[in-house]
Amino acid sequence: MSNATGKVSDETRMFNFGVEENRAQSVIKNAYRAMTEKGYNPVHQLVGYLLSGDPAYVTSHLEARSKIRKVERDELLEELVRTYLAHLEGKK
């Protein structure tokens, strides 16, 4: 990455979403609820959306489609992996 002088830095950068974690979690919960209420399989639908980026996999019920589009797919995936790994740690 270039700094103000145009030189490339060798410094390691941290990748952190901070507040975005809570937003991603909230959006996933809302999408899950909306899909469940409409009778869809939320796992299949979320995987379809995450792999393709096609918002048609997410119902518009409860504004789930518009909300999920406001969060980057990599942020949603990070939240899902973080939650899954935390669940695994709790089972030890």
Protein backbone atom coordinates (compact mmCIF):
# COMPACT_ATOMS: atom_id res chain seq x y z
CA MET A 1 0.00 0.00 0.00
CA SER A 2 1.32 3.45 -0.84
CA ASN A 3 1.70 6.15 1.76
CA ALA A 4 1.47 9.94 1.28
CA THR A 5 4.93 10.04 -0.32
CA GLY A 6 3.99 7.36 -2.84
CA LYS A 7 6.32 4.75 -1.35
CA VAL A 8 5.14 1.21 -0.74
CA SER A 9 5.00 0.26 2.93
CA ASP A 10 6.22 -3.08 4.29
CA GLU A 11 4.02 -2.63 7.35
CA THR A 12 1.52 -5.39 8.04
CA ARG A 13 -2.02 -4.07 8.04
CA MET A 14 -4.74 -5.38 10.34
CA PHE A 15 -8.04 -6.45 8.81
CA ASN A 16 -10.81 -5.54 11.26
CA PHE A 17 -14.47 -4.78 10.76
CA GLY A 18 -15.12 -3.41 14.25
CA VAL A 19 -18.74 -2.25 14.46
CA GLU A 20 -19.60 -4.05 11.23
CA GLU A 21 -19.65 -7.36 13.12
CA ASN A 22 -22.82 -6.39 14.93
CA ARG A 23 -24.43 -5.18 11.73
CA ALA A 24 -23.54 -8.41 9.91
CA GLN A 25 -24.93 -10.47 12.77
CA SER A 26 -28.14 -8.45 12.81
CA VAL A 27 -28.59 -8.76 9.05
CA ILE A 28 -28.00 -12.54 9.14
CA LYS A 29 -30.52 -12.96 11.96
CA ASN A 30 -33.09 -10.87 10.08
CA ALA A 31 -32.55 -12.84 6.86
CA TYR A 32 -32.82 -16.13 8.75
CA ARG A 33 -36.10 -15.06 10.35
CA ALA A 34 -37.53 -13.77 7.07
CA MET A 35 -36.62 -16.93 5.15
CA THR A 36 -37.93 -19.20 7.90
CA GLU A 37 -41.22 -17.30 8.05
CA LYS A 38 -41.60 -17.65 4.28
CA GLY A 39 -40.81 -21.38 4.36
CA TYR A 40 -37.40 -21.22 2.69
CA ASN A 41 -34.35 -23.18 3.82
CA PRO A 42 -32.16 -20.35 5.15
CA VAL A 43 -28.93 -22.36 4.87
CA HIS A 44 -29.45 -23.09 1.18
CA GLN A 45 -30.60 -19.54 0.44
CA LEU A 46 -27.71 -17.87 2.28
CA VAL A 47 -25.15 -20.15 0.64
CA GLY A 48 -26.65 -19.33 -2.76
CA TYR A 49 -26.43 -15.61 -2.02
CA LEU A 50 -22.90 -15.75 -0.60
CA LEU A 51 -21.56 -17.77 -3.54
CA SER A 52 -23.30 -15.91 -6.35
CA GLY A 53 -24.00 -12.43 -4.99
CA ASP A 54 -27.48 -12.70 -6.50
CA PRO A 55 -29.91 -11.01 -4.08
CA ALA A 56 -32.78 -13.05 -5.53
CA TYR A 57 -31.73 -15.82 -3.12
CA VAL A 58 -32.91 -13.61 -0.23
CA THR A 59 -36.59 -12.89 0.31
CA SER A 60 -37.78 -9.30 0.42
CA HIS A 61 -39.92 -10.20 3.45
CA LEU A 62 -38.95 -8.05 6.48
CA GLU A 63 -36.72 -6.04 4.09
CA ALA A 64 -34.16 -8.86 4.33
CA ARG A 65 -33.00 -8.45 0.73
CA SER A 66 -32.37 -4.72 0.95
CA LYS A 67 -30.67 -5.08 4.34
CA ILE A 68 -28.36 -7.91 3.29
CA ARG A 69 -27.22 -5.95 0.23
CA LYS A 70 -25.93 -3.16 2.51
CA VAL A 71 -23.33 -5.50 4.03
CA GLU A 72 -20.41 -6.85 2.01
CA ARG A 73 -20.57 -10.61 1.46
CA ASP A 74 -17.09 -11.09 2.95
CA GLU A 75 -18.32 -9.42 6.16
CA LEU A 76 -21.28 -11.80 6.32
CA LEU A 77 -18.99 -14.77 5.71
CA GLU A 78 -16.56 -13.60 8.38
CA GLU A 79 -19.40 -13.36 10.91
CA LEU A 80 -20.63 -16.85 10.02
CA VAL A 81 -17.15 -18.36 10.35
CA ARG A 82 -16.47 -16.50 13.61
CA THR A 83 -19.74 -17.72 15.11
CA TYR A 84 -19.15 -21.29 13.93
CA LEU A 85 -15.63 -21.39 15.36
CA ALA A 86 -16.83 -19.90 18.66
CA HIS A 87 -19.46 -22.67 18.77
CA LEU A 88 -16.75 -25.29 18.22
CA GLU A 89 -14.62 -23.81 20.99
CA GLY A 90 -17.58 -24.02 23.36
CA LYS A 91 -17.95 -27.76 22.66
CA LYS A 92 -14.44 -28.66 23.86
